[in-house]
């Protein structure tokens, strides 16, 4: 196992709380609605969640089609595999070795990109995994001035302003459709 993207205690708390805590539950509802209304994947969609952690979003994403997961942390990946019922990939961004190119209708990275040193290369690599017309949905923490111990424990490299995020996406092969 490589260097963890988050402290062990964060994964343990996530696994304990992700099905009952209001924040995780509400976030899944918001993400599902965003995906349904804005990304609108086809009925038989191929989906990938990069950085799926303990797999708490996999069932929600599975409602849109066949979902694959990717997680670097061995312990979190083990929990995600139990939830998914099959293996979860383990390969870092931006390489994504073994992740098929032009395969996915939707790729999600929910609070992942802020962990990656080279976020530009990560976004470019994700773009190559999308089918033509495929969508990438990501969430990131906002505003560098909000940096706290939470960011340190989670091994974040940065927080984003809307301008920084817009610049990141517009400098990639992707086309920005919605920023909020």
N, C-alpha and C. Protein backbone atom coordinates (compact mmCIF):
# COMPACT_ATOMS: atom_id res chain seq x y z
N UNK A 1 0.84 -1.18 0.00
CA UNK A 1 0.00 0.00 0.00
C UNK A 1 0.88 1.24 0.00
N UNK A 2 0.50 2.23 -0.78
CA UNK A 2 1.22 3.49 -0.81
C UNK A 2 0.82 4.37 0.35
N UNK A 3 1.27 5.60 0.30
CA UNK A 3 0.95 6.58 1.33
C UNK A 3 -0.55 6.83 1.32
N UNK A 4 -1.23 6.76 2.46
CA UNK A 4 -2.69 6.93 2.46
C UNK A 4 -3.08 8.36 2.08
N UNK A 5 -4.20 8.46 1.36
CA UNK A 5 -4.69 9.77 0.98
C UNK A 5 -5.37 10.48 2.15
N UNK A 6 -5.77 9.71 3.17
CA UNK A 6 -6.37 10.28 4.37
C UNK A 6 -5.86 9.49 5.57
N UNK A 7 -5.98 10.06 6.74
CA UNK A 7 -5.61 9.36 7.96
C UNK A 7 -6.55 8.17 8.17
N UNK A 8 -6.03 7.12 8.75
CA UNK A 8 -6.81 5.89 9.00
C UNK A 8 -8.11 6.19 9.72
N UNK A 9 -8.08 7.06 10.72
CA UNK A 9 -9.27 7.36 11.51
C UNK A 9 -10.39 7.94 10.63
N UNK A 10 -10.05 8.66 9.57
CA UNK A 10 -11.07 9.22 8.68
C UNK A 10 -11.82 8.10 7.97
N UNK A 11 -11.10 7.12 7.45
CA UNK A 11 -11.75 5.98 6.80
C UNK A 11 -12.61 5.20 7.80
N UNK A 12 -12.10 5.01 9.01
CA UNK A 12 -12.85 4.27 10.02
C UNK A 12 -14.14 4.98 10.38
N UNK A 13 -14.08 6.30 10.55
CA UNK A 13 -15.28 7.07 10.86
C UNK A 13 -16.26 7.04 9.70
N UNK A 14 -15.73 7.13 8.47
CA UNK A 14 -16.57 7.09 7.28
C UNK A 14 -17.35 5.77 7.24
N UNK A 15 -16.65 4.65 7.44
CA UNK A 15 -17.28 3.34 7.39
C UNK A 15 -18.34 3.19 8.48
N UNK A 16 -18.11 3.80 9.63
CA UNK A 16 -19.05 3.69 10.73
C UNK A 16 -20.30 4.55 10.51
N UNK A 17 -20.14 5.72 9.89
CA UNK A 17 -21.22 6.68 9.84
C UNK A 17 -21.90 6.85 8.47
N UNK A 18 -21.30 6.36 7.40
CA UNK A 18 -21.74 6.76 6.06
C UNK A 18 -23.14 6.32 5.66
N UNK A 19 -23.75 5.39 6.36
CA UNK A 19 -25.11 4.98 6.03
C UNK A 19 -26.17 5.66 6.89
N UNK A 20 -25.76 6.27 8.01
CA UNK A 20 -26.78 6.85 8.89
C UNK A 20 -26.59 8.33 9.18
N UNK A 21 -25.41 8.87 8.99
CA UNK A 21 -25.18 10.28 9.31
C UNK A 21 -25.88 11.16 8.27
N UNK A 22 -26.51 12.23 8.74
CA UNK A 22 -27.30 13.09 7.87
C UNK A 22 -26.47 13.67 6.72
N UNK A 23 -25.19 13.99 6.98
CA UNK A 23 -24.38 14.62 5.93
C UNK A 23 -24.18 13.69 4.74
N UNK A 24 -23.81 12.45 5.02
CA UNK A 24 -23.61 11.48 3.93
C UNK A 24 -24.93 11.20 3.20
N UNK A 25 -26.00 11.03 3.95
CA UNK A 25 -27.30 10.72 3.35
C UNK A 25 -27.79 11.87 2.48
N UNK A 26 -27.71 13.10 2.99
CA UNK A 26 -28.15 14.26 2.22
C UNK A 26 -27.27 14.47 0.99
N UNK A 27 -26.00 14.26 1.15
CA UNK A 27 -25.07 14.43 0.03
C UNK A 27 -25.37 13.46 -1.09
N UNK A 28 -25.68 12.21 -0.74
CA UNK A 28 -26.04 11.24 -1.78
C UNK A 28 -27.30 11.67 -2.52
N UNK A 29 -28.27 12.20 -1.81
CA UNK A 29 -29.50 12.68 -2.46
C UNK A 29 -29.20 13.83 -3.41
N UNK A 30 -28.37 14.76 -2.98
CA UNK A 30 -27.99 15.90 -3.82
C UNK A 30 -27.24 15.42 -5.06
N UNK A 31 -26.26 14.53 -4.86
CA UNK A 31 -25.49 14.02 -6.00
C UNK A 31 -26.38 13.25 -6.97
N UNK A 32 -27.27 12.42 -6.45
CA UNK A 32 -28.17 11.65 -7.32
C UNK A 32 -29.04 12.57 -8.17
N UNK A 33 -29.55 13.62 -7.55
CA UNK A 33 -30.40 14.56 -8.29
C UNK A 33 -29.59 15.32 -9.33
N UNK A 34 -28.38 15.73 -8.98
CA UNK A 34 -27.50 16.41 -9.93
C UNK A 34 -27.19 15.50 -11.12
N UNK A 35 -26.86 14.26 -10.84
CA UNK A 35 -26.56 13.31 -11.91
C UNK A 35 -27.79 13.08 -12.79
N UNK A 36 -28.93 12.88 -12.16
CA UNK A 36 -30.16 12.64 -12.92
C UNK A 36 -30.52 13.82 -13.81
N UNK A 37 -30.47 15.03 -13.27
CA UNK A 37 -30.92 16.21 -14.01
C UNK A 37 -29.88 16.78 -14.96
N UNK A 38 -28.62 16.81 -14.56
CA UNK A 38 -27.60 17.50 -15.36
C UNK A 38 -26.74 16.56 -16.19
N UNK A 39 -26.32 15.43 -15.63
CA UNK A 39 -25.47 14.51 -16.38
C UNK A 39 -26.30 13.57 -17.24
N UNK A 40 -27.47 13.19 -16.76
CA UNK A 40 -28.44 12.37 -17.49
C UNK A 40 -27.81 11.20 -18.23
N UNK A 41 -27.17 10.27 -17.49
CA UNK A 41 -26.56 9.14 -18.17
C UNK A 41 -27.62 8.24 -18.82
N UNK A 42 -27.25 7.51 -19.87
CA UNK A 42 -28.21 6.61 -20.50
C UNK A 42 -28.63 5.49 -19.53
N UNK A 43 -29.72 4.82 -19.84
CA UNK A 43 -30.26 3.79 -18.95
C UNK A 43 -29.27 2.68 -18.64
N UNK A 44 -28.44 2.32 -19.60
CA UNK A 44 -27.47 1.23 -19.41
C UNK A 44 -26.07 1.77 -19.20
N UNK A 45 -25.96 2.86 -18.49
CA UNK A 45 -24.70 3.58 -18.33
C UNK A 45 -23.61 2.75 -17.67
N UNK A 46 -22.39 3.04 -18.08
CA UNK A 46 -21.19 2.54 -17.42
C UNK A 46 -20.67 3.70 -16.57
N UNK A 47 -20.52 3.48 -15.25
CA UNK A 47 -20.10 4.53 -14.34
C UNK A 47 -18.86 4.11 -13.57
N UNK A 48 -18.05 5.08 -13.22
CA UNK A 48 -16.86 4.86 -12.40
C UNK A 48 -16.81 5.92 -11.32
N UNK A 49 -16.64 5.47 -10.07
CA UNK A 49 -16.36 6.41 -9.00
C UNK A 49 -14.89 6.27 -8.62
N UNK A 50 -14.14 7.34 -8.86
CA UNK A 50 -12.73 7.39 -8.49
C UNK A 50 -12.64 7.87 -7.05
N UNK A 51 -11.88 7.13 -6.24
CA UNK A 51 -11.77 7.48 -4.83
C UNK A 51 -13.05 7.16 -4.09
N UNK A 52 -13.56 5.94 -4.28
CA UNK A 52 -14.86 5.57 -3.72
C UNK A 52 -14.83 5.35 -2.22
N UNK A 53 -13.65 5.41 -1.60
CA UNK A 53 -13.57 5.25 -0.15
C UNK A 53 -14.15 3.92 0.27
N UNK A 54 -15.04 3.95 1.23
CA UNK A 54 -15.67 2.73 1.75
C UNK A 54 -16.86 2.29 0.90
N UNK A 55 -17.11 2.98 -0.18
CA UNK A 55 -18.16 2.58 -1.12
C UNK A 55 -19.54 3.11 -0.81
N UNK A 56 -19.63 4.15 -0.01
CA UNK A 56 -20.94 4.64 0.41
C UNK A 56 -21.77 5.26 -0.72
N UNK A 57 -21.16 5.62 -1.85
CA UNK A 57 -21.93 6.15 -2.99
C UNK A 57 -22.23 5.10 -4.05
N UNK A 58 -21.66 3.91 -3.93
CA UNK A 58 -21.77 2.93 -5.01
C UNK A 58 -23.20 2.48 -5.27
N UNK A 59 -24.00 2.25 -4.24
CA UNK A 59 -25.39 1.84 -4.45
C UNK A 59 -26.18 2.96 -5.13
N UNK A 60 -25.97 4.19 -4.71
CA UNK A 60 -26.66 5.32 -5.34
C UNK A 60 -26.28 5.41 -6.80
N UNK A 61 -24.99 5.29 -7.12
CA UNK A 61 -24.55 5.35 -8.50
C UNK A 61 -25.06 4.15 -9.30
N UNK A 62 -25.17 3.01 -8.64
CA UNK A 62 -25.66 1.80 -9.29
C UNK A 62 -27.09 1.95 -9.80
N UNK A 63 -27.84 2.87 -9.27
CA UNK A 63 -29.19 3.12 -9.77
C UNK A 63 -29.17 3.70 -11.19
N UNK A 64 -28.01 4.17 -11.64
CA UNK A 64 -27.88 4.76 -12.97
C UNK A 64 -27.28 3.79 -13.99
N UNK A 65 -26.82 2.62 -13.55
CA UNK A 65 -26.21 1.66 -14.47
C UNK A 65 -25.20 0.79 -13.74
N UNK A 66 -24.25 0.27 -14.50
CA UNK A 66 -23.21 -0.60 -13.93
C UNK A 66 -22.07 0.28 -13.42
N UNK A 67 -21.79 0.17 -12.14
CA UNK A 67 -20.79 1.04 -11.53
C UNK A 67 -19.54 0.26 -11.16
N UNK A 68 -18.40 0.85 -11.44
CA UNK A 68 -17.10 0.36 -11.02
C UNK A 68 -16.56 1.34 -9.99
N UNK A 69 -15.73 0.83 -9.10
CA UNK A 69 -15.10 1.67 -8.09
C UNK A 69 -13.60 1.62 -8.20
N UNK A 70 -12.98 2.66 -7.71
CA UNK A 70 -11.53 2.76 -7.65
C UNK A 70 -11.17 3.37 -6.30
N UNK A 71 -10.32 2.69 -5.54
CA UNK A 71 -9.90 3.18 -4.23
C UNK A 71 -8.50 2.68 -3.93
N UNK A 72 -7.62 3.57 -3.49
CA UNK A 72 -6.24 3.22 -3.20
C UNK A 72 -6.04 2.58 -1.82
N UNK A 73 -6.79 3.01 -0.84
CA UNK A 73 -6.60 2.52 0.52
C UNK A 73 -7.11 1.09 0.63
N UNK A 74 -6.24 0.17 1.08
CA UNK A 74 -6.59 -1.25 1.14
C UNK A 74 -7.80 -1.52 2.02
N UNK A 75 -7.83 -0.95 3.20
CA UNK A 75 -8.92 -1.22 4.14
C UNK A 75 -10.24 -0.65 3.62
N UNK A 76 -10.24 0.58 3.15
CA UNK A 76 -11.45 1.18 2.60
C UNK A 76 -11.92 0.40 1.37
N UNK A 77 -10.97 0.01 0.51
CA UNK A 77 -11.31 -0.76 -0.69
C UNK A 77 -11.97 -2.08 -0.32
N UNK A 78 -11.50 -2.73 0.74
CA UNK A 78 -12.10 -3.99 1.19
C UNK A 78 -13.57 -3.81 1.55
N UNK A 79 -13.88 -2.73 2.25
CA UNK A 79 -15.28 -2.44 2.61
C UNK A 79 -16.08 -2.14 1.35
N UNK A 80 -15.51 -1.36 0.44
CA UNK A 80 -16.20 -1.03 -0.81
C UNK A 80 -16.48 -2.28 -1.63
N UNK A 81 -15.53 -3.20 -1.65
CA UNK A 81 -15.73 -4.44 -2.41
C UNK A 81 -16.86 -5.27 -1.82
N UNK A 82 -16.98 -5.30 -0.50
CA UNK A 82 -18.10 -6.01 0.12
C UNK A 82 -19.42 -5.35 -0.28
N UNK A 83 -19.46 -4.05 -0.31
CA UNK A 83 -20.69 -3.33 -0.67
C UNK A 83 -21.03 -3.49 -2.14
N UNK A 84 -20.00 -3.51 -2.99
CA UNK A 84 -20.23 -3.63 -4.43
C UNK A 84 -20.45 -5.08 -4.86
N UNK A 85 -19.87 -5.99 -4.11
CA UNK A 85 -20.02 -7.40 -4.44
C UNK A 85 -19.03 -7.90 -5.48
N UNK A 86 -18.02 -7.11 -5.75
CA UNK A 86 -16.98 -7.50 -6.71
C UNK A 86 -15.77 -6.61 -6.49
N UNK A 87 -14.64 -6.93 -7.15
CA UNK A 87 -13.42 -6.15 -6.92
C UNK A 87 -13.55 -4.67 -7.29
N UNK A 88 -12.84 -3.86 -6.53
CA UNK A 88 -12.71 -2.43 -6.77
C UNK A 88 -11.27 -2.20 -7.21
N UNK A 89 -11.09 -1.42 -8.25
CA UNK A 89 -9.75 -1.15 -8.79
C UNK A 89 -8.91 -0.34 -7.81
N UNK A 90 -7.59 -0.45 -7.98
CA UNK A 90 -6.65 0.30 -7.14
C UNK A 90 -5.52 0.79 -8.03
N UNK A 91 -5.65 2.01 -8.51
CA UNK A 91 -4.62 2.63 -9.33
C UNK A 91 -4.70 4.14 -9.13
N UNK A 92 -3.56 4.80 -8.99
CA UNK A 92 -3.59 6.23 -8.66
C UNK A 92 -3.87 7.13 -9.86
N UNK A 93 -4.36 8.31 -9.53
CA UNK A 93 -4.43 9.41 -10.49
C UNK A 93 -3.06 10.06 -10.51
N UNK A 94 -2.58 10.54 -11.60
CA UNK A 94 -3.27 10.62 -12.88
C UNK A 94 -3.08 9.41 -13.78
N UNK A 95 -2.32 8.41 -13.38
CA UNK A 95 -2.00 7.29 -14.28
C UNK A 95 -3.24 6.50 -14.70
N UNK A 96 -4.05 6.09 -13.75
CA UNK A 96 -5.23 5.27 -13.98
C UNK A 96 -4.91 4.03 -14.82
N UNK A 97 -3.77 3.42 -14.54
CA UNK A 97 -3.36 2.21 -15.26
C UNK A 97 -4.42 1.13 -15.12
N UNK A 98 -4.77 0.51 -16.22
CA UNK A 98 -5.75 -0.57 -16.22
C UNK A 98 -7.19 -0.11 -16.27
N UNK A 99 -7.45 1.18 -16.16
CA UNK A 99 -8.81 1.70 -16.28
C UNK A 99 -9.06 1.94 -17.77
N UNK A 100 -10.07 1.28 -18.33
CA UNK A 100 -10.26 1.36 -19.78
C UNK A 100 -10.55 2.79 -20.27
N UNK A 101 -9.99 3.10 -21.42
CA UNK A 101 -10.22 4.41 -22.03
C UNK A 101 -11.51 4.38 -22.84
N UNK A 102 -12.16 5.56 -22.91
CA UNK A 102 -13.38 5.75 -23.69
C UNK A 102 -14.45 4.71 -23.34
N UNK A 103 -14.56 4.41 -22.04
CA UNK A 103 -15.44 3.32 -21.58
C UNK A 103 -16.65 3.81 -20.77
N UNK A 104 -16.51 4.93 -20.09
CA UNK A 104 -17.53 5.33 -19.11
C UNK A 104 -18.41 6.47 -19.62
N UNK A 105 -19.71 6.31 -19.32
CA UNK A 105 -20.69 7.37 -19.60
C UNK A 105 -20.61 8.45 -18.53
N UNK A 106 -20.19 8.07 -17.32
CA UNK A 106 -20.09 9.02 -16.23
C UNK A 106 -18.95 8.59 -15.32
N UNK A 107 -18.10 9.54 -14.98
CA UNK A 107 -17.05 9.33 -13.99
C UNK A 107 -17.31 10.35 -12.88
N UNK A 108 -17.30 9.87 -11.65
CA UNK A 108 -17.45 10.75 -10.51
C UNK A 108 -16.19 10.74 -9.66
N UNK A 109 -15.83 11.90 -9.15
CA UNK A 109 -14.73 12.05 -8.19
C UNK A 109 -15.22 13.03 -7.14
N UNK A 110 -15.72 12.49 -6.05
CA UNK A 110 -16.37 13.30 -5.03
C UNK A 110 -15.40 13.51 -3.87
N UNK A 111 -14.86 14.73 -3.80
CA UNK A 111 -13.84 15.10 -2.82
C UNK A 111 -12.59 14.25 -2.99
N UNK A 112 -12.06 14.25 -4.20
CA UNK A 112 -10.88 13.46 -4.56
C UNK A 112 -9.78 14.34 -5.15
N UNK A 113 -10.12 15.20 -6.08
CA UNK A 113 -9.12 15.95 -6.85
C UNK A 113 -8.23 16.82 -5.96
N UNK A 114 -8.75 17.28 -4.84
CA UNK A 114 -7.94 18.09 -3.92
C UNK A 114 -6.83 17.29 -3.25
N UNK A 115 -6.88 15.96 -3.37
CA UNK A 115 -5.83 15.10 -2.81
C UNK A 115 -4.67 14.89 -3.78
N UNK A 116 -4.85 15.24 -5.03
CA UNK A 116 -3.91 14.90 -6.09
C UNK A 116 -2.95 16.06 -6.33
N UNK A 117 -1.66 15.77 -6.30
CA UNK A 117 -0.65 16.82 -6.50
C UNK A 117 -0.85 17.51 -7.85
N UNK A 118 -0.95 16.74 -8.93
CA UNK A 118 -1.09 17.30 -10.28
C UNK A 118 -2.55 17.18 -10.72
N UNK A 119 -3.36 18.13 -10.29
CA UNK A 119 -4.79 18.08 -10.59
C UNK A 119 -5.06 18.24 -12.08
N UNK A 120 -4.23 18.98 -12.80
CA UNK A 120 -4.42 19.14 -14.25
C UNK A 120 -4.25 17.81 -14.96
N UNK A 121 -3.20 17.07 -14.63
CA UNK A 121 -2.97 15.76 -15.24
C UNK A 121 -4.08 14.79 -14.85
N UNK A 122 -4.59 14.89 -13.63
CA UNK A 122 -5.67 14.01 -13.18
C UNK A 122 -6.93 14.23 -14.01
N UNK A 123 -7.31 15.48 -14.21
CA UNK A 123 -8.51 15.78 -15.00
C UNK A 123 -8.32 15.32 -16.44
N UNK A 124 -7.15 15.55 -17.01
CA UNK A 124 -6.89 15.12 -18.39
C UNK A 124 -6.98 13.60 -18.50
N UNK A 125 -6.47 12.88 -17.52
CA UNK A 125 -6.52 11.42 -17.53
C UNK A 125 -7.96 10.93 -17.40
N UNK A 126 -8.73 11.55 -16.54
CA UNK A 126 -10.14 11.18 -16.38
C UNK A 126 -10.88 11.39 -17.70
N UNK A 127 -10.59 12.48 -18.39
CA UNK A 127 -11.25 12.77 -19.67
C UNK A 127 -11.06 11.64 -20.67
N UNK A 128 -9.91 10.97 -20.65
CA UNK A 128 -9.66 9.89 -21.60
C UNK A 128 -10.44 8.63 -21.27
N UNK A 129 -11.00 8.55 -20.08
CA UNK A 129 -11.79 7.37 -19.69
C UNK A 129 -13.26 7.52 -20.07
N UNK A 130 -13.66 8.69 -20.49
CA UNK A 130 -15.05 8.95 -20.85
C UNK A 130 -15.33 8.57 -22.31
N UNK A 131 -16.50 8.00 -22.53
CA UNK A 131 -17.00 7.79 -23.88
C UNK A 131 -17.25 9.17 -24.50
N UNK A 132 -17.32 9.26 -25.82
CA UNK A 132 -17.75 10.53 -26.42
C UNK A 132 -19.12 10.93 -25.84
N UNK A 133 -19.22 12.14 -25.37
CA UNK A 133 -20.45 12.62 -24.75
C UNK A 133 -20.57 12.26 -23.28
N UNK A 134 -19.58 11.55 -22.74
CA UNK A 134 -19.61 11.18 -21.33
C UNK A 134 -19.43 12.39 -20.43
N UNK A 135 -19.83 12.25 -19.19
CA UNK A 135 -19.80 13.36 -18.24
C UNK A 135 -18.91 13.03 -17.05
N UNK A 136 -18.25 14.07 -16.55
CA UNK A 136 -17.45 13.98 -15.34
C UNK A 136 -18.10 14.88 -14.30
N UNK A 137 -18.39 14.31 -13.14
CA UNK A 137 -18.98 15.07 -12.03
C UNK A 137 -18.00 15.00 -10.87
N UNK A 138 -17.64 16.17 -10.35
CA UNK A 138 -16.74 16.19 -9.20
C UNK A 138 -17.21 17.19 -8.18
N UNK A 139 -16.81 16.91 -6.95
CA UNK A 139 -16.99 17.87 -5.87
C UNK A 139 -15.61 18.10 -5.26
N UNK A 140 -15.39 19.30 -4.80
CA UNK A 140 -14.13 19.67 -4.16
C UNK A 140 -14.44 20.65 -3.02
N UNK A 141 -13.57 20.73 -2.02
CA UNK A 141 -13.77 21.72 -0.97
C UNK A 141 -13.50 23.13 -1.50
N UNK A 142 -14.29 24.07 -1.02
CA UNK A 142 -14.22 25.44 -1.51
C UNK A 142 -13.37 26.33 -0.61
N UNK A 143 -12.77 27.33 -1.23
CA UNK A 143 -12.14 28.48 -0.58
C UNK A 143 -10.93 28.13 0.30
N UNK A 144 -9.78 28.48 -0.19
CA UNK A 144 -8.53 28.24 0.55
C UNK A 144 -8.56 28.90 1.94
N UNK A 145 -9.26 30.03 2.07
CA UNK A 145 -9.31 30.70 3.36
C UNK A 145 -10.05 29.88 4.42
N UNK A 146 -10.76 28.83 3.99
CA UNK A 146 -11.46 27.96 4.94
C UNK A 146 -10.60 26.79 5.41
N UNK A 147 -9.33 26.77 5.00
CA UNK A 147 -8.43 25.68 5.37
C UNK A 147 -8.45 25.48 6.89
N UNK A 148 -8.53 24.20 7.30
CA UNK A 148 -8.59 23.90 8.73
C UNK A 148 -7.88 22.58 9.01
N UNK A 149 -7.93 22.16 10.25
CA UNK A 149 -7.36 20.86 10.65
C UNK A 149 -8.02 19.73 9.87
N UNK A 150 -9.28 19.88 9.50
CA UNK A 150 -9.99 18.88 8.69
C UNK A 150 -9.23 18.63 7.38
N UNK A 151 -8.75 19.69 6.75
CA UNK A 151 -8.01 19.55 5.49
C UNK A 151 -6.67 18.84 5.73
N UNK A 152 -6.04 19.16 6.83
CA UNK A 152 -4.75 18.54 7.15
C UNK A 152 -4.92 17.05 7.39
N UNK A 153 -5.89 16.66 8.20
CA UNK A 153 -6.15 15.26 8.51
C UNK A 153 -6.54 14.49 7.24
N UNK A 154 -7.22 15.16 6.33
CA UNK A 154 -7.66 14.52 5.09
C UNK A 154 -6.60 14.59 3.99
N UNK A 155 -5.43 15.12 4.30
CA UNK A 155 -4.30 15.21 3.37
C UNK A 155 -4.67 15.97 2.08
N UNK A 156 -5.44 17.04 2.22
CA UNK A 156 -5.75 17.88 1.07
C UNK A 156 -4.52 18.65 0.63
N UNK A 157 -4.41 18.86 -0.66
CA UNK A 157 -3.34 19.69 -1.23
C UNK A 157 -3.81 21.13 -1.39
N UNK A 158 -5.13 21.32 -1.55
CA UNK A 158 -5.68 22.63 -1.81
C UNK A 158 -7.19 22.63 -1.63
N UNK A 159 -7.75 23.81 -1.57
CA UNK A 159 -9.19 24.06 -1.72
C UNK A 159 -9.33 24.93 -2.97
N UNK A 160 -10.50 25.00 -3.54
CA UNK A 160 -10.69 25.70 -4.81
C UNK A 160 -11.66 26.86 -4.69
N UNK A 161 -11.36 27.93 -5.41
CA UNK A 161 -12.34 28.97 -5.66
C UNK A 161 -13.06 28.59 -6.96
N UNK A 162 -14.19 29.22 -7.24
CA UNK A 162 -14.88 28.95 -8.51
C UNK A 162 -13.97 29.27 -9.69
N UNK A 163 -13.23 30.37 -9.58
CA UNK A 163 -12.33 30.77 -10.67
C UNK A 163 -11.25 29.71 -10.91
N UNK A 164 -10.66 29.20 -9.83
CA UNK A 164 -9.62 28.17 -9.97
C UNK A 164 -10.19 26.89 -10.58
N UNK A 165 -11.36 26.52 -10.15
CA UNK A 165 -11.99 25.31 -10.67
C UNK A 165 -12.35 25.48 -12.15
N UNK A 166 -12.88 26.63 -12.49
CA UNK A 166 -13.21 26.92 -13.89
C UNK A 166 -11.95 26.87 -14.76
N UNK A 167 -10.88 27.47 -14.29
CA UNK A 167 -9.60 27.46 -15.02
C UNK A 167 -9.08 26.04 -15.19
N UNK A 168 -9.18 25.24 -14.13
CA UNK A 168 -8.74 23.84 -14.19
C UNK A 168 -9.49 23.07 -15.26
N UNK A 169 -10.80 23.16 -15.26
CA UNK A 169 -11.61 22.39 -16.21
C UNK A 169 -11.44 22.94 -17.62
N UNK A 170 -11.45 24.25 -17.77
CA UNK A 170 -11.34 24.83 -19.11
C UNK A 170 -9.96 24.60 -19.73
N UNK A 171 -8.96 24.32 -18.92
CA UNK A 171 -7.63 24.00 -19.42
C UNK A 171 -7.45 22.52 -19.73
N UNK A 172 -8.52 21.75 -19.61
CA UNK A 172 -8.48 20.30 -19.83
C UNK A 172 -9.23 19.97 -21.12
N UNK A 173 -9.24 18.70 -21.49
CA UNK A 173 -10.04 18.29 -22.66
C UNK A 173 -11.56 18.34 -22.40
N UNK A 174 -11.97 18.57 -21.17
CA UNK A 174 -13.39 18.60 -20.84
C UNK A 174 -14.01 19.95 -21.16
N UNK A 175 -15.34 19.94 -21.28
CA UNK A 175 -16.10 21.17 -21.48
C UNK A 175 -16.93 21.40 -20.23
N UNK A 176 -16.80 22.57 -19.63
CA UNK A 176 -17.53 22.91 -18.42
C UNK A 176 -18.99 23.17 -18.77
N UNK A 177 -19.88 22.45 -18.09
CA UNK A 177 -21.32 22.64 -18.31
C UNK A 177 -22.01 23.29 -17.12
N UNK A 178 -21.55 22.99 -15.91
CA UNK A 178 -22.16 23.56 -14.72
C UNK A 178 -21.10 23.67 -13.63
N UNK A 179 -21.12 24.79 -12.95
CA UNK A 179 -20.20 25.03 -11.83
C UNK A 179 -21.03 25.63 -10.71
N UNK A 180 -20.97 25.04 -9.56
CA UNK A 180 -21.76 25.56 -8.46
C UNK A 180 -21.09 25.29 -7.14
